[in-house]
N, C-alpha and C. Protein backbone atom coordinates (compact mmCIF):
# COMPACT_ATOMS: atom_id res chain seq x y z
N MET A 1 102.26 78.86 31.67
CA MET A 1 103.02 77.78 30.76
C MET A 1 103.33 76.73 31.81
N ALA A 2 103.41 75.56 31.31
CA ALA A 2 103.66 74.38 32.06
C ALA A 2 105.29 74.10 32.05
N GLU A 3 105.63 73.60 33.31
CA GLU A 3 107.07 73.35 33.53
C GLU A 3 107.29 71.88 33.43
N ARG A 4 108.27 71.46 32.69
CA ARG A 4 108.63 70.02 32.43
C ARG A 4 109.30 69.51 33.72
N THR A 5 108.79 68.37 34.20
CA THR A 5 109.60 67.69 35.37
C THR A 5 109.76 66.33 35.10
N ARG A 6 110.66 65.57 35.72
CA ARG A 6 110.98 64.28 35.40
C ARG A 6 111.21 63.64 36.67
N ASN A 7 110.42 62.59 36.94
CA ASN A 7 110.59 61.74 38.22
C ASN A 7 111.34 60.57 37.70
N PRO A 8 112.15 59.92 38.60
CA PRO A 8 112.95 58.73 38.32
C PRO A 8 112.04 57.57 37.94
N GLY A 9 112.11 57.08 36.78
CA GLY A 9 111.42 55.79 36.37
C GLY A 9 110.04 56.23 35.55
N GLU A 10 109.88 57.44 35.54
CA GLU A 10 108.65 57.93 34.79
C GLU A 10 109.10 58.68 33.63
N SER A 11 108.05 58.79 32.65
CA SER A 11 108.33 59.52 31.47
C SER A 11 108.17 60.94 31.89
N GLU A 12 108.41 61.93 30.91
CA GLU A 12 108.31 63.33 31.17
C GLU A 12 106.92 63.67 31.29
N VAL A 13 106.66 64.51 32.45
CA VAL A 13 105.29 64.90 32.83
C VAL A 13 105.29 66.35 32.81
N LEU A 14 104.16 66.99 32.39
CA LEU A 14 103.96 68.33 32.47
C LEU A 14 103.11 68.71 33.76
N ALA A 15 103.95 69.60 34.63
CA ALA A 15 103.33 70.04 35.81
C ALA A 15 102.98 71.47 35.81
N PRO A 16 101.83 71.92 36.05
CA PRO A 16 101.31 73.15 35.88
C PRO A 16 101.98 74.18 36.85
N LYS A 17 102.18 75.37 36.56
CA LYS A 17 102.78 76.30 37.53
C LYS A 17 101.69 77.08 38.02
N THR A 18 101.67 77.18 39.29
CA THR A 18 100.55 77.82 39.96
C THR A 18 100.84 79.43 40.17
N ARG A 19 99.70 80.09 39.77
CA ARG A 19 99.67 81.49 39.85
C ARG A 19 98.76 82.13 40.95
N THR A 20 99.07 83.10 41.68
CA THR A 20 98.09 83.56 42.54
C THR A 20 97.57 84.73 41.92
N ARG A 21 96.16 84.88 41.99
CA ARG A 21 95.43 85.95 41.48
C ARG A 21 95.30 87.00 42.56
N ARG A 22 95.55 88.27 42.12
CA ARG A 22 95.44 89.49 42.96
C ARG A 22 94.11 90.12 42.53
N LYS A 23 93.43 90.41 43.58
CA LYS A 23 92.06 91.22 43.35
C LYS A 23 92.53 92.63 43.07
N VAL A 24 92.03 93.18 42.01
CA VAL A 24 92.30 94.53 41.69
C VAL A 24 91.17 95.45 42.35
N GLN A 25 91.61 96.39 43.16
CA GLN A 25 90.62 97.35 43.85
C GLN A 25 90.30 98.53 42.78
N PRO A 26 89.12 98.82 42.79
CA PRO A 26 88.85 99.93 41.90
C PRO A 26 89.50 101.31 42.64
N PRO A 27 89.64 102.30 41.94
CA PRO A 27 90.35 103.53 42.57
C PRO A 27 89.36 104.10 43.45
N PRO A 28 89.69 104.83 44.52
CA PRO A 28 88.87 105.61 45.30
C PRO A 28 88.29 106.63 44.54
N LEU A 29 86.99 106.95 44.80
CA LEU A 29 86.40 108.04 44.06
C LEU A 29 86.19 109.27 44.77
N TYR A 30 86.13 110.47 44.04
CA TYR A 30 86.01 111.77 44.76
C TYR A 30 84.81 112.52 44.05
N GLN A 31 84.38 113.35 45.06
CA GLN A 31 83.16 114.14 44.60
C GLN A 31 83.72 115.50 44.05
N VAL A 32 83.10 115.95 43.02
CA VAL A 32 83.25 117.29 42.45
C VAL A 32 82.17 118.24 42.88
N LEU A 33 82.37 119.26 43.67
CA LEU A 33 81.32 119.91 44.29
C LEU A 33 81.38 121.40 43.84
N PHE A 34 80.15 121.89 43.42
CA PHE A 34 80.04 123.39 42.85
C PHE A 34 79.55 124.10 44.08
N HIS A 35 80.05 125.31 44.42
CA HIS A 35 79.72 126.10 45.61
C HIS A 35 79.10 127.41 44.98
N ASN A 36 77.95 127.71 45.76
CA ASN A 36 77.34 128.94 45.36
C ASN A 36 77.95 130.29 45.60
N ASP A 37 77.84 131.29 44.84
CA ASP A 37 78.25 132.58 45.02
C ASP A 37 77.34 133.51 44.46
N ASP A 38 77.50 134.72 44.87
CA ASP A 38 76.43 135.86 44.44
C ASP A 38 76.82 136.56 43.12
N PHE A 39 77.80 136.03 42.34
CA PHE A 39 78.30 136.71 41.12
C PHE A 39 78.23 135.85 39.91
N THR A 40 78.43 134.44 40.16
CA THR A 40 78.31 133.54 38.77
C THR A 40 76.95 133.29 38.45
N THR A 41 76.69 133.57 37.19
CA THR A 41 75.25 133.53 36.83
C THR A 41 75.02 131.99 36.65
N MET A 42 73.56 131.83 36.75
CA MET A 42 73.04 130.42 36.65
C MET A 42 73.33 129.90 35.25
N GLU A 43 73.09 130.65 34.22
CA GLU A 43 73.35 130.11 32.81
C GLU A 43 74.78 129.63 32.69
N PHE A 44 75.75 130.53 33.14
CA PHE A 44 77.18 130.05 33.20
C PHE A 44 77.32 128.80 33.83
N VAL A 45 76.84 128.60 34.90
CA VAL A 45 77.03 127.25 35.86
C VAL A 45 76.34 126.08 34.96
N VAL A 46 75.12 126.24 34.33
CA VAL A 46 74.60 125.23 33.47
C VAL A 46 75.57 125.05 32.31
N ASP A 47 75.98 126.02 31.64
CA ASP A 47 77.00 125.81 30.48
C ASP A 47 78.12 125.06 30.90
N VAL A 48 78.71 125.31 32.10
CA VAL A 48 79.96 124.48 32.52
C VAL A 48 79.67 123.01 32.78
N LEU A 49 78.56 122.84 33.55
CA LEU A 49 78.02 121.60 33.80
C LEU A 49 77.95 120.56 32.38
N LYS A 50 77.42 121.42 31.44
CA LYS A 50 77.14 120.61 30.30
C LYS A 50 78.47 120.43 29.58
N ALA A 51 79.52 121.43 29.45
CA ALA A 51 80.62 121.45 28.83
C ALA A 51 81.75 120.50 29.39
N VAL A 52 81.86 120.57 30.78
CA VAL A 52 83.01 119.89 31.36
C VAL A 52 82.47 118.61 31.85
N PHE A 53 81.22 118.55 32.34
CA PHE A 53 80.76 117.13 33.08
C PHE A 53 79.82 116.54 32.18
N HIS A 54 79.46 116.86 31.08
CA HIS A 54 78.78 116.22 30.05
C HIS A 54 77.26 115.85 30.57
N HIS A 55 76.73 116.95 31.25
CA HIS A 55 75.32 116.75 31.75
C HIS A 55 74.55 117.23 30.74
N GLY A 56 73.28 116.72 30.59
CA GLY A 56 72.30 117.19 29.66
C GLY A 56 71.67 118.49 30.24
N GLU A 57 70.85 119.15 29.39
CA GLU A 57 70.26 120.43 29.83
C GLU A 57 69.41 120.28 31.16
N GLN A 58 68.58 119.22 31.17
CA GLN A 58 67.75 119.17 32.36
C GLN A 58 68.57 118.95 33.74
N GLN A 59 69.50 117.82 33.55
CA GLN A 59 70.39 117.52 34.70
C GLN A 59 71.13 118.77 35.15
N ALA A 60 71.82 119.44 34.35
CA ALA A 60 72.58 120.67 34.49
C ALA A 60 71.71 121.71 35.36
N MET A 61 70.44 121.84 34.90
CA MET A 61 69.53 122.80 35.54
C MET A 61 69.19 122.38 36.85
N ARG A 62 69.08 121.03 37.23
CA ARG A 62 68.78 120.51 38.47
C ARG A 62 69.89 120.66 39.47
N ILE A 63 71.00 120.42 38.91
CA ILE A 63 72.35 120.59 39.59
C ILE A 63 72.51 122.10 40.11
N MET A 64 72.45 122.96 39.05
CA MET A 64 72.37 124.35 39.33
C MET A 64 71.52 124.96 40.34
N LEU A 65 70.30 124.43 40.30
CA LEU A 65 69.18 124.94 41.26
C LEU A 65 69.48 124.35 42.65
N HIS A 66 70.07 123.12 42.65
CA HIS A 66 70.37 122.55 43.90
C HIS A 66 71.41 123.46 44.63
N VAL A 67 72.57 123.66 43.72
CA VAL A 67 73.60 124.58 44.28
C VAL A 67 72.95 125.87 44.86
N HIS A 68 72.16 126.48 44.02
CA HIS A 68 71.67 127.92 44.31
C HIS A 68 70.81 127.70 45.54
N HIS A 69 70.03 126.72 45.76
CA HIS A 69 69.14 126.75 46.98
C HIS A 69 69.88 126.10 48.29
N ASN A 70 70.82 125.25 48.13
CA ASN A 70 71.59 124.53 49.14
C ASN A 70 73.01 125.11 49.50
N GLY A 71 73.54 125.97 48.62
CA GLY A 71 74.98 126.47 48.72
C GLY A 71 75.96 125.56 48.09
N VAL A 72 75.75 124.28 47.99
CA VAL A 72 76.71 123.35 47.29
C VAL A 72 75.92 122.24 46.86
N GLY A 73 76.55 121.80 45.62
CA GLY A 73 75.85 120.65 44.85
C GLY A 73 76.86 119.83 44.14
N LEU A 74 76.46 118.53 43.96
CA LEU A 74 77.49 117.47 43.46
C LEU A 74 77.32 117.57 41.81
N ALA A 75 78.49 117.73 41.32
CA ALA A 75 78.64 117.84 39.70
C ALA A 75 78.85 116.43 39.36
N GLY A 76 79.64 115.48 40.04
CA GLY A 76 79.96 114.25 39.59
C GLY A 76 80.94 113.59 40.52
N THR A 77 80.97 112.32 40.29
CA THR A 77 82.02 111.47 41.25
C THR A 77 82.85 110.73 40.23
N TYR A 78 84.21 110.95 40.45
CA TYR A 78 85.24 110.29 39.62
C TYR A 78 86.37 109.84 40.28
N PRO A 79 87.24 109.10 39.63
CA PRO A 79 88.74 108.81 40.33
C PRO A 79 89.36 110.20 40.35
N LYS A 80 90.38 110.19 41.43
CA LYS A 80 90.89 111.53 41.77
C LYS A 80 91.48 112.32 40.87
N GLU A 81 92.33 111.84 39.88
CA GLU A 81 92.87 112.61 38.75
C GLU A 81 91.82 113.27 37.94
N ILE A 82 90.69 112.50 37.51
CA ILE A 82 89.74 113.03 36.59
C ILE A 82 89.00 114.08 37.37
N ALA A 83 88.66 113.99 38.74
CA ALA A 83 87.91 114.85 39.47
C ALA A 83 88.80 116.24 39.61
N GLU A 84 89.99 116.08 39.88
CA GLU A 84 90.87 117.31 39.86
C GLU A 84 90.95 117.98 38.50
N THR A 85 90.99 117.22 37.45
CA THR A 85 91.01 117.94 36.18
C THR A 85 89.89 118.50 35.75
N LYS A 86 88.68 117.97 36.09
CA LYS A 86 87.37 118.65 35.72
C LYS A 86 87.11 119.79 36.75
N SER A 87 87.54 119.82 37.93
CA SER A 87 87.54 120.89 38.83
C SER A 87 88.24 122.07 38.22
N GLU A 88 89.58 121.74 37.93
CA GLU A 88 90.46 122.89 37.35
C GLU A 88 89.81 123.46 36.16
N LYS A 89 89.37 122.53 35.27
CA LYS A 89 88.80 123.06 33.96
C LYS A 89 87.63 123.98 34.20
N ALA A 90 86.69 123.59 35.13
CA ALA A 90 85.62 124.43 35.53
C ALA A 90 86.04 125.74 35.94
N MET A 91 86.95 125.79 36.81
CA MET A 91 87.29 126.98 37.41
C MET A 91 88.15 127.95 36.51
N SER A 92 88.87 127.30 35.62
CA SER A 92 89.57 127.81 34.63
C SER A 92 88.57 128.70 33.61
N MET A 93 87.50 127.91 33.21
CA MET A 93 86.63 128.63 32.34
C MET A 93 85.82 129.79 33.23
N ALA A 94 85.63 129.58 34.50
CA ALA A 94 85.07 130.69 35.14
C ALA A 94 85.92 131.98 35.17
N ARG A 95 87.22 131.66 35.51
CA ARG A 95 88.20 132.70 35.60
C ARG A 95 88.26 133.49 34.27
N ALA A 96 88.39 132.84 33.26
CA ALA A 96 88.23 133.32 32.00
C ALA A 96 87.04 134.24 31.53
N ALA A 97 85.88 133.83 32.17
CA ALA A 97 84.79 134.70 31.95
C ALA A 97 84.48 135.67 32.93
N GLY A 98 85.41 135.75 34.04
CA GLY A 98 85.35 136.80 35.05
C GLY A 98 84.49 136.51 36.19
N TYR A 99 84.22 135.10 36.41
CA TYR A 99 83.40 134.57 37.61
C TYR A 99 84.20 133.98 38.59
N PRO A 100 83.86 134.15 39.96
CA PRO A 100 84.63 133.61 41.07
C PRO A 100 84.03 132.16 41.45
N LEU A 101 83.64 131.45 40.53
CA LEU A 101 83.15 130.19 40.75
C LEU A 101 84.13 129.30 41.56
N LEU A 102 83.69 128.62 42.70
CA LEU A 102 84.50 127.73 43.43
C LEU A 102 84.04 126.34 43.22
N VAL A 103 85.05 125.54 42.79
CA VAL A 103 84.78 124.01 42.47
C VAL A 103 85.79 123.30 43.33
N THR A 104 85.32 122.42 44.25
CA THR A 104 86.25 121.80 45.05
C THR A 104 86.02 120.18 44.89
N VAL A 105 86.99 119.37 45.37
CA VAL A 105 87.11 117.94 45.16
C VAL A 105 87.27 117.33 46.53
N GLU A 106 86.46 116.37 47.01
CA GLU A 106 86.70 115.70 48.29
C GLU A 106 86.40 114.28 48.13
N PRO A 107 86.90 113.40 49.04
CA PRO A 107 86.61 112.10 48.94
C PRO A 107 85.15 111.72 49.09
N GLU A 108 84.80 110.64 48.48
CA GLU A 108 83.37 110.27 48.47
C GLU A 108 83.10 109.70 49.87
């Protein structure tokens, strides 16, 4: 909004207010990692990747196989709160099904 100012001998003039713009930084991202174990089934891992992380069948299979062969695999990268929520949801599903699946969150 403009502010009204008056100089002596002049009619009323509108002077613009100056505003400083702040650059908004995107939130830092965190990786959600699945860890391999000898008890959680491959099918269950695929189901969790599809249900919690919304991966398609092919992508979920690729991630699961990567975890199986390399010991750890990236399920997704999210802002901290979302990453923690997805990790907790995945481990909660695993515990309810009787699996010791480990899902961790770490900075990107």
